[in-house]
PDB file of N, CA and C in Angstrom:
ATOM      1  N   UNK A   1     192.321 106.254 303.516  1.00  0.00           N
ATOM      2  CA  UNK A   1     192.637 107.666 303.162  1.00  0.00           C
ATOM      3  C   UNK A   1     194.132 108.062 303.718  1.00  0.00           C
ATOM      4  N   UNK A   2     194.734 108.803 303.012  1.00  0.00           N
ATOM      5  CA  UNK A   2     196.187 109.216 303.132  1.00  0.00           C
ATOM      6  C   UNK A   2     196.238 110.551 303.874  1.00  0.00           C
ATOM      7  N   UNK A   3     197.301 110.675 304.554  1.00  0.00           N
ATOM      8  CA  UNK A   3     197.517 112.084 305.092  1.00  0.00           C
ATOM      9  C   UNK A   3     198.404 112.921 304.257  1.00  0.00           C
ATOM     10  N   UNK A   4     198.902 112.363 303.044  1.00  0.00           N
ATOM     11  CA  UNK A   4     199.754 113.053 302.271  1.00  0.00           C
ATOM     12  C   UNK A   4     198.919 114.021 301.421  1.00  0.00           C
ATOM     13  N   UNK A   5     199.124 115.303 301.580  1.00  0.00           N
ATOM     14  CA  UNK A   5     198.377 116.365 300.718  1.00  0.00           C
ATOM     15  C   UNK A   5     198.631 116.136 299.216  1.00  0.00           C
ATOM     16  N   UNK A   6     199.741 115.649 298.784  1.00  0.00           N
ATOM     17  CA  UNK A   6     199.770 115.493 297.382  1.00  0.00           C
ATOM     18  C   UNK A   6     198.845 114.518 296.764  1.00  0.00           C
ATOM     19  N   UNK A   7     198.372 113.567 297.661  1.00  0.00           N
ATOM     20  CA  UNK A   7     197.296 112.678 297.214  1.00  0.00           C
ATOM     21  C   UNK A   7     196.003 113.235 297.076  1.00  0.00           C
ATOM     22  N   UNK A   8     195.702 114.392 297.547  1.00  0.00           N
ATOM     23  CA  UNK A   8     194.406 115.043 297.735  1.00  0.00           C
ATOM     24  C   UNK A   8     194.114 115.620 296.398  1.00  0.00           C
ATOM     25  N   UNK A   9     194.962 115.875 295.335  1.00  0.00           N
ATOM     26  CA  UNK A   9     194.834 116.516 294.233  1.00  0.00           C
ATOM     27  C   UNK A   9     193.837 115.679 293.154  1.00  0.00           C
ATOM     28  N   UNK A  10     192.801 116.339 292.855  1.00  0.00           N
ATOM     29  CA  UNK A  10     191.872 115.564 291.914  1.00  0.00           C
ATOM     30  C   UNK A  10     192.628 115.206 290.707  1.00  0.00           C
ATOM     31  N   UNK A  11     192.083 114.066 290.059  1.00  0.00           N
ATOM     32  CA  UNK A  11     192.650 113.710 288.827  1.00  0.00           C
ATOM     33  C   UNK A  11     192.400 114.499 287.687  1.00  0.00           C
ATOM     34  N   UNK A  12     191.351 115.216 287.818  1.00  0.00           N
ATOM     35  CA  UNK A  12     190.832 116.356 286.807  1.00  0.00           C
ATOM     36  C   UNK A  12     191.115 117.744 287.284  1.00  0.00           C
ATOM     37  N   UNK A  13     191.774 118.469 286.540  1.00  0.00           N
ATOM     38  CA  UNK A  13     192.005 119.901 287.013  1.00  0.00           C
ATOM     39  C   UNK A  13     190.715 120.573 287.046  1.00  0.00           C
ATOM     40  N   UNK A  14     190.567 121.555 288.207  1.00  0.00           N
ATOM     41  CA  UNK A  14     189.421 122.332 288.327  1.00  0.00           C
ATOM     42  C   UNK A  14     189.163 123.343 287.123  1.00  0.00           C
ATOM     43  N   UNK A  15     188.001 123.751 287.017  1.00  0.00           N
ATOM     44  CA  UNK A  15     187.658 124.714 286.024  1.00  0.00           C
ATOM     45  C   UNK A  15     188.334 126.140 286.462  1.00  0.00           C
ATOM     46  N   UNK A  16     188.484 126.816 285.368  1.00  0.00           N
ATOM     47  CA  UNK A  16     189.074 128.394 285.658  1.00  0.00           C
ATOM     48  C   UNK A  16     187.679 129.066 285.904  1.00  0.00           C
ATOM     49  N   UNK A  17     187.457 129.433 287.123  1.00  0.00           N
ATOM     50  CA  UNK A  17     186.207 130.075 287.532  1.00  0.00           C
ATOM     51  C   UNK A  17     185.905 131.276 286.709  1.00  0.00           C
ATOM     52  N   UNK A  18     187.054 132.087 286.437  1.00  0.00           N
ATOM     53  CA  UNK A  18     186.807 133.413 285.645  1.00  0.00           C
ATOM     54  C   UNK A  18     186.208 133.089 284.269  1.00  0.00           C
ATOM     55  N   UNK A  19     186.435 131.805 283.575  1.00  0.00           N
ATOM     56  CA  UNK A  19     185.963 131.629 282.463  1.00  0.00           C
ATOM     57  C   UNK A  19     184.485 131.195 282.290  1.00  0.00           C
ATOM     58  N   UNK A  20     183.822 131.092 283.401  1.00  0.00           N
ATOM     59  CA  UNK A  20     182.406 130.666 283.538  1.00  0.00           C
ATOM     60  C   UNK A  20     181.486 131.827 283.376  1.00  0.00           C
ATOM     61  N   UNK A  21     180.298 131.518 283.153  1.00  0.00           N
ATOM     62  CA  UNK A  21     179.230 132.538 283.108  1.00  0.00           C
ATOM     63  C   UNK A  21     179.082 133.187 284.385  1.00  0.00           C
ATOM     64  N   UNK A  22     178.477 134.433 284.326  1.00  0.00           N
ATOM     65  CA  UNK A  22     178.199 135.225 285.452  1.00  0.00           C
ATOM     66  C   UNK A  22     177.491 134.352 286.519  1.00  0.00           C
ATOM     67  N   UNK A  23     176.516 133.609 286.217  1.00  0.00           N
ATOM     68  CA  UNK A  23     175.607 132.852 287.043  1.00  0.00           C
ATOM     69  C   UNK A  23     176.579 131.809 287.818  1.00  0.00           C
ATOM     70  N   UNK A  24     177.288 131.164 287.082  1.00  0.00           N
ATOM     71  CA  UNK A  24     178.162 130.126 287.678  1.00  0.00           C
ATOM     72  C   UNK A  24     179.169 130.821 288.563  1.00  0.00           C
ATOM     73  N   UNK A  25     179.725 131.909 288.198  1.00  0.00           N
ATOM     74  CA  UNK A  25     180.623 132.647 289.077  1.00  0.00           C
ATOM     75  C   UNK A  25     180.013 133.054 290.377  1.00  0.00           C
ATOM     76  N   UNK A  26     178.774 133.471 290.326  1.00  0.00           N
ATOM     77  CA  UNK A  26     178.013 133.797 291.576  1.00  0.00           C
ATOM     78  C   UNK A  26     178.016 132.557 292.555  1.00  0.00           C
ATOM     79  N   UNK A  27     177.701 131.522 291.966  1.00  0.00           N
ATOM     80  CA  UNK A  27     177.639 130.083 292.839  1.00  0.00           C
ATOM     81  C   UNK A  27     178.990 130.015 293.631  1.00  0.00           C
ATOM     82  N   UNK A  28     179.989 130.232 292.887  1.00  0.00           N
ATOM     83  CA  UNK A  28     181.412 130.042 293.446  1.00  0.00           C
ATOM     84  C   UNK A  28     181.723 131.111 294.522  1.00  0.00           C
ATOM     85  N   UNK A  29     181.271 132.353 294.277  1.00  0.00           N
ATOM     86  CA  UNK A  29     181.536 133.434 295.189  1.00  0.00           C
ATOM     87  C   UNK A  29     180.682 133.281 296.408  1.00  0.00           C
ATOM     88  N   UNK A  30     179.524 132.700 296.237  1.00  0.00           N
ATOM     89  CA  UNK A  30     178.545 132.349 297.467  1.00  0.00           C
ATOM     90  C   UNK A  30     179.329 131.308 298.220  1.00  0.00           C
ATOM     91  N   UNK A  31     179.716 130.158 297.619  1.00  0.00           N
ATOM     92  CA  UNK A  31     180.577 129.100 298.331  1.00  0.00           C
ATOM     93  C   UNK A  31     181.636 129.623 299.056  1.00  0.00           C
ATOM     94  N   UNK A  32     182.499 130.626 298.386  1.00  0.00           N
ATOM     95  CA  UNK A  32     183.700 131.267 299.134  1.00  0.00           C
ATOM     96  C   UNK A  32     183.356 131.948 300.240  1.00  0.00           C
ATOM     97  N   UNK A  33     182.149 132.718 300.178  1.00  0.00           N
ATOM     98  CA  UNK A  33     181.719 133.477 301.319  1.00  0.00           C
ATOM     99  C   UNK A  33     181.215 132.681 302.401  1.00  0.00           C
ATOM    100  N   UNK A  34     180.555 131.541 302.067  1.00  0.00           N
ATOM    101  CA  UNK A  34     179.950 130.666 303.188  1.00  0.00           C
ATOM    102  C   UNK A  34     181.048 129.732 303.798  1.00  0.00           C
ATOM    103  N   UNK A  35     181.960 129.098 302.910  1.00  0.00           N
ATOM    104  CA  UNK A  35     182.813 128.077 303.492  1.00  0.00           C
ATOM    105  C   UNK A  35     184.355 128.561 303.351  1.00  0.00           C
ATOM    106  N   UNK A  36     184.644 129.708 302.895  1.00  0.00           N
ATOM    107  CA  UNK A  36     186.017 130.126 302.779  1.00  0.00           C
ATOM    108  C   UNK A  36     186.620 130.015 301.487  1.00  0.00           C
ATOM    109  N   UNK A  37     186.073 129.110 300.691  1.00  0.00           N
ATOM    110  CA  UNK A  37     186.713 128.682 299.295  1.00  0.00           C
ATOM    111  C   UNK A  37     185.555 128.145 298.510  1.00  0.00           C
ATOM    112  N   UNK A  38     185.675 128.080 297.079  1.00  0.00           N
ATOM    113  CA  UNK A  38     184.865 127.375 296.377  1.00  0.00           C
ATOM    114  C   UNK A  38     184.997 125.898 296.561  1.00  0.00           C
ATOM    115  N   UNK A  39     183.984 125.197 296.454  1.00  0.00           N
ATOM    116  CA  UNK A  39     183.999 123.635 296.707  1.00  0.00           C
ATOM    117  C   UNK A  39     184.599 123.052 295.529  1.00  0.00           C
ATOM    118  N   UNK A  40     185.789 122.228 295.909  1.00  0.00           N
ATOM    119  CA  UNK A  40     186.436 121.598 294.957  1.00  0.00           C
ATOM    120  C   UNK A  40     185.743 120.658 294.072  1.00  0.00           C
ATOM    121  N   UNK A  41     184.730 119.958 294.364  1.00  0.00           N
ATOM    122  CA  UNK A  41     183.913 118.983 293.657  1.00  0.00           C
ATOM    123  C   UNK A  41     183.120 119.834 292.658  1.00  0.00           C
ATOM    124  N   UNK A  42     182.629 121.004 293.006  1.00  0.00           N
ATOM    125  CA  UNK A  42     181.856 121.906 292.058  1.00  0.00           C
ATOM    126  C   UNK A  42     182.690 122.382 290.928  1.00  0.00           C
ATOM    127  N   UNK A  43     184.087 122.562 291.376  1.00  0.00           N
ATOM    128  CA  UNK A  43     184.962 122.943 290.328  1.00  0.00           C
ATOM    129  C   UNK A  43     185.134 121.986 289.236  1.00  0.00           C
ATOM    130  N   UNK A  44     185.114 120.786 289.588  1.00  0.00           N
ATOM    131  CA  UNK A  44     185.236 119.674 288.670  1.00  0.00           C
ATOM    132  C   UNK A  44     183.926 119.639 287.825  1.00  0.00           C
ATOM    133  N   UNK A  45     182.715 119.643 288.538  1.00  0.00           N
ATOM    134  CA  UNK A  45     181.551 119.632 287.876  1.00  0.00           C
ATOM    135  C   UNK A  45     181.302 120.665 286.775  1.00  0.00           C
ATOM    136  N   UNK A  46     181.870 121.929 287.250  1.00  0.00           N
ATOM    137  CA  UNK A  46     181.788 123.034 286.302  1.00  0.00           C
ATOM    138  C   UNK A  46     182.439 122.894 284.933  1.00  0.00           C
ATOM    139  N   UNK A  47     183.256 121.954 284.910  1.00  0.00           N
ATOM    140  CA  UNK A  47     183.950 121.560 283.587  1.00  0.00           C
ATOM    141  C   UNK A  47     182.930 121.330 282.381  1.00  0.00           C
ATOM    142  N   UNK A  48     181.825 120.758 282.981  1.00  0.00           N
ATOM    143  CA  UNK A  48     180.675 120.266 282.036  1.00  0.00           C
ATOM    144  C   UNK A  48     179.445 121.039 282.684  1.00  0.00           C
ATOM    145  N   UNK A  49     179.053 122.149 282.081  1.00  0.00           N
ATOM    146  CA  UNK A  49     177.959 123.092 282.705  1.00  0.00           C
ATOM    147  C   UNK A  49     176.686 122.198 282.924  1.00  0.00           C
ATOM    148  N   UNK A  50     176.271 121.248 282.123  1.00  0.00           N
ATOM    149  CA  UNK A  50     175.065 120.537 282.267  1.00  0.00           C
ATOM    150  C   UNK A  50     175.134 119.719 283.656  1.00  0.00           C
ATOM    151  N   UNK A  51     176.353 119.044 283.812  1.00  0.00           N
ATOM    152  CA  UNK A  51     176.651 118.378 285.129  1.00  0.00           C
ATOM    153  C   UNK A  51     176.562 119.321 286.343  1.00  0.00           C
ATOM    154  N   UNK A  52     177.141 120.430 286.285  1.00  0.00           N
ATOM    155  CA  UNK A  52     177.290 121.511 287.319  1.00  0.00           C
ATOM    156  C   UNK A  52     175.932 121.903 287.712  1.00  0.00           C
ATOM    157  N   UNK A  53     174.988 122.225 286.627  1.00  0.00           N
ATOM    158  CA  UNK A  53     173.792 122.702 286.890  1.00  0.00           C
ATOM    159  C   UNK A  53     172.755 121.590 287.498  1.00  0.00           C
ATOM    160  N   UNK A  54     173.082 120.413 286.964  1.00  0.00           N
ATOM    161  CA  UNK A  54     172.263 119.082 287.569  1.00  0.00           C
ATOM    162  C   UNK A  54     172.570 118.856 288.989  1.00  0.00           C
ATOM    163  N   UNK A  55     173.984 119.036 289.449  1.00  0.00           N
ATOM    164  CA  UNK A  55     174.362 118.719 290.918  1.00  0.00           C
ATOM    165  C   UNK A  55     173.734 119.882 291.531  1.00  0.00           C
ATOM    166  N   UNK A  56     173.692 121.122 291.112  1.00  0.00           N
ATOM    167  CA  UNK A  56     173.162 122.230 291.754  1.00  0.00           C
ATOM    168  C   UNK A  56     171.639 122.059 292.011  1.00  0.00           C
ATOM    169  N   UNK A  57     170.947 121.622 290.926  1.00  0.00           N
ATOM    170  CA  UNK A  57     169.593 121.402 291.005  1.00  0.00           C
ATOM    171  C   UNK A  57     169.192 120.148 291.940  1.00  0.00           C
ATOM    172  N   UNK A  58     170.039 119.191 292.045  1.00  0.00           N
ATOM    173  CA  UNK A  58     169.690 118.099 292.907  1.00  0.00           C
ATOM    174  C   UNK A  58     169.767 118.618 294.343  1.00  0.00           C
ATOM    175  N   UNK A  59     170.778 119.256 294.697  1.00  0.00           N
ATOM    176  CA  UNK A  59     170.759 119.806 296.245  1.00  0.00           C
ATOM    177  C   UNK A  59     169.743 120.802 296.446  1.00  0.00           C
ATOM    178  N   UNK A  60     169.520 121.703 295.433  1.00  0.00           N
ATOM    179  CA  UNK A  60     168.427 122.602 295.735  1.00  0.00           C
ATOM    180  C   UNK A  60     167.093 121.863 295.819  1.00  0.00           C
ATOM    181  N   UNK A  61     166.786 120.870 295.076  1.00  0.00           N
ATOM    182  CA  UNK A  61     165.571 119.985 295.081  1.00  0.00           C
ATOM    183  C   UNK A  61     165.405 119.379 296.397  1.00  0.00           C
ATOM    184  N   UNK A  62     166.551 118.742 296.788  1.00  0.00           N
ATOM    185  CA  UNK A  62     166.510 118.111 298.136  1.00  0.00           C
ATOM    186  C   UNK A  62     166.175 119.033 299.345  1.00  0.00           C
ATOM    187  N   UNK A  63     166.713 120.166 299.221  1.00  0.00           N
ATOM    188  CA  UNK A  63     166.490 121.220 300.329  1.00  0.00           C
ATOM    189  C   UNK A  63     165.028 121.819 300.240  1.00  0.00           C
ATOM    190  N   UNK A  64     164.580 121.923 299.020  1.00  0.00           N
ATOM    191  CA  UNK A  64     163.168 122.604 298.926  1.00  0.00           C
ATOM    192  C   UNK A  64     162.020 121.618 298.997  1.00  0.00           C
ATOM    193  N   UNK A  65     162.269 120.383 298.870  1.00  0.00           N
ATOM    194  CA  UNK A  65     161.190 119.429 298.668  1.00  0.00           C
ATOM    195  C   UNK A  65     160.480 119.107 300.055  1.00  0.00           C
ATOM    196  N   UNK A  66     161.346 119.184 301.097  1.00  0.00           N
ATOM    197  CA  UNK A  66     160.712 118.892 302.338  1.00  0.00           C
ATOM    198  C   UNK A  66     160.536 117.406 302.653  1.00  0.00           C
ATOM    199  N   UNK A  67     160.969 116.641 301.666  1.00  0.00           N
ATOM    200  CA  UNK A  67     160.757 115.112 301.826  1.00  0.00           C
ATOM    201  C   UNK A  67     161.866 114.505 302.722  1.00  0.00           C
ATOM    202  N   UNK A  68     163.049 115.239 302.786  1.00  0.00           N
ATOM    203  CA  UNK A  68     164.079 114.724 303.662  1.00  0.00           C
ATOM    204  C   UNK A  68     164.472 115.760 304.626  1.00  0.00           C
ATOM    205  N   UNK A  69     164.688 115.164 305.838  1.00  0.00           N
ATOM    206  CA  UNK A  69     165.145 116.090 307.067  1.00  0.00           C
ATOM    207  C   UNK A  69     166.440 116.643 306.656  1.00  0.00           C
ATOM    208  N   UNK A  70     166.652 117.643 307.022  1.00  0.00           N
ATOM    209  CA  UNK A  70     167.956 118.555 306.856  1.00  0.00           C
ATOM    210  C   UNK A  70     169.150 117.641 307.366  1.00  0.00           C
ATOM    211  N   UNK A  71     169.083 116.910 308.377  1.00  0.00           N
ATOM    212  CA  UNK A  71     170.159 116.138 308.793  1.00  0.00           C
ATOM    213  C   UNK A  71     170.353 114.897 307.937  1.00  0.00           C
ATOM    214  N   UNK A  72     169.399 114.478 307.314  1.00  0.00           N
ATOM    215  CA  UNK A  72     169.620 113.299 306.344  1.00  0.00           C
ATOM    216  C   UNK A  72     170.153 113.899 305.053  1.00  0.00           C
ATOM    217  N   UNK A  73     169.859 115.134 304.724  1.00  0.00           N
ATOM    218  CA  UNK A  73     170.293 115.665 303.525  1.00  0.00           C
ATOM    219  C   UNK A  73     171.923 115.871 303.800  1.00  0.00           C
ATOM    220  N   UNK A  74     172.349 116.250 304.886  1.00  0.00           N
ATOM    221  CA  UNK A  74     173.755 116.467 305.294  1.00  0.00           C
ATOM    222  C   UNK A  74     174.400 115.251 305.258  1.00  0.00           C
ATOM    223  N   UNK A  75     173.761 114.048 305.710  1.00  0.00           N
ATOM    224  CA  UNK A  75     174.527 112.782 305.656  1.00  0.00           C
ATOM    225  C   UNK A  75     174.578 112.325 304.225  1.00  0.00           C
ATOM    226  N   UNK A  76     173.641 112.529 303.462  1.00  0.00           N
ATOM    227  CA  UNK A  76     173.778 112.183 301.975  1.00  0.00           C
ATOM    228  C   UNK A  76     174.773 113.037 301.326  1.00  0.00           C
ATOM    229  N   UNK A  77     174.901 114.282 301.625  1.00  0.00           N
ATOM    230  CA  UNK A  77     175.968 115.228 301.031  1.00  0.00           C
ATOM    231  C   UNK A  77     177.245 114.645 301.413  1.00  0.00           C
ATOM    232  N   UNK A  78     177.573 114.177 302.616  1.00  0.00           N
ATOM    233  CA  UNK A  78     178.856 113.590 303.056  1.00  0.00           C
ATOM    234  C   UNK A  78     179.143 112.416 302.209  1.00  0.00           C
ATOM    235  N   UNK A  79     178.022 111.612 302.108  1.00  0.00           N
ATOM    236  CA  UNK A  79     178.297 110.262 301.432  1.00  0.00           C
ATOM    237  C   UNK A  79     178.596 110.498 299.856  1.00  0.00           C
ATOM    238  N   UNK A  80     178.029 111.501 299.207  1.00  0.00           N
ATOM    239  CA  UNK A  80     178.199 111.752 297.995  1.00  0.00           C
ATOM    240  C   UNK A  80     179.673 112.288 297.748  1.00  0.00           C
ATOM    241  N   UNK A  81     180.103 113.190 298.752  1.00  0.00           N
ATOM    242  CA  UNK A  81     181.505 113.673 298.826  1.00  0.00           C
ATOM    243  C   UNK A  81     182.413 112.619 298.831  1.00  0.00           C
ATOM    244  N   UNK A  82     182.161 111.616 299.811  1.00  0.00           N
ATOM    245  CA  UNK A  82     183.070 110.504 299.790  1.00  0.00           C
ATOM    246  C   UNK A  82     183.238 109.677 298.611  1.00  0.00           C
ATOM    247  N   UNK A  83     182.136 109.383 297.970  1.00  0.00           N
ATOM    248  CA  UNK A  83     182.108 108.702 296.653  1.00  0.00           C
ATOM    249  C   UNK A  83     182.873 109.501 295.688  1.00  0.00           C
ATOM    250  N   UNK A  84     182.730 110.836 295.605  1.00  0.00           N
ATOM    251  CA  UNK A  84     183.511 111.647 294.660  1.00  0.00           C
ATOM    252  C   UNK A  84     184.912 111.872 295.046  1.00  0.00           C
ATOM    253  N   UNK A  85     185.268 111.326 296.195  1.00  0.00           N
ATOM    254  CA  UNK A  85     186.704 111.475 296.675  1.00  0.00           C
ATOM    255  C   UNK A  85     187.101 112.790 297.251  1.00  0.00           C
ATOM    256  N   UNK A  86     186.042 113.628 297.638  1.00  0.00           N
ATOM    257  CA  UNK A  86     186.235 114.908 298.159  1.00  0.00           C
ATOM    258  C   UNK A  86     186.815 114.734 299.576  1.00  0.00           C
ATOM    259  N   UNK A  87     187.845 115.505 299.801  1.00  0.00           N
ATOM    260  CA  UNK A  87     188.472 115.475 301.232  1.00  0.00           C
ATOM    261  C   UNK A  87     188.166 116.721 301.835  1.00  0.00           C
ATOM    262  N   UNK A  88     187.467 116.515 302.880  1.00  0.00           N
ATOM    263  CA  UNK A  88     186.903 117.648 303.801  1.00  0.00           C
ATOM    264  C   UNK A  88     187.119 117.542 305.289  1.00  0.00           C
TER     265      UNK A  88
END
């Protein structure tokens, strides 16, 4: 991992949030409220709505299923972020 902020830019430009549906805009507004800004990886996913909704559904399903402890879901989230090249 590099300390050069220029290297943190994704290879794919994030979606223009204002061009999204009201439902998708609410997701990003909630992320900004919770974490201070919309999540970069979700801005990439949102370029293809079916991928965006699939990712949202996966995390919602993991959270609601009760099959995985919350700590394990958090570890899984970090691992997915690393695979996606998310810098956090």
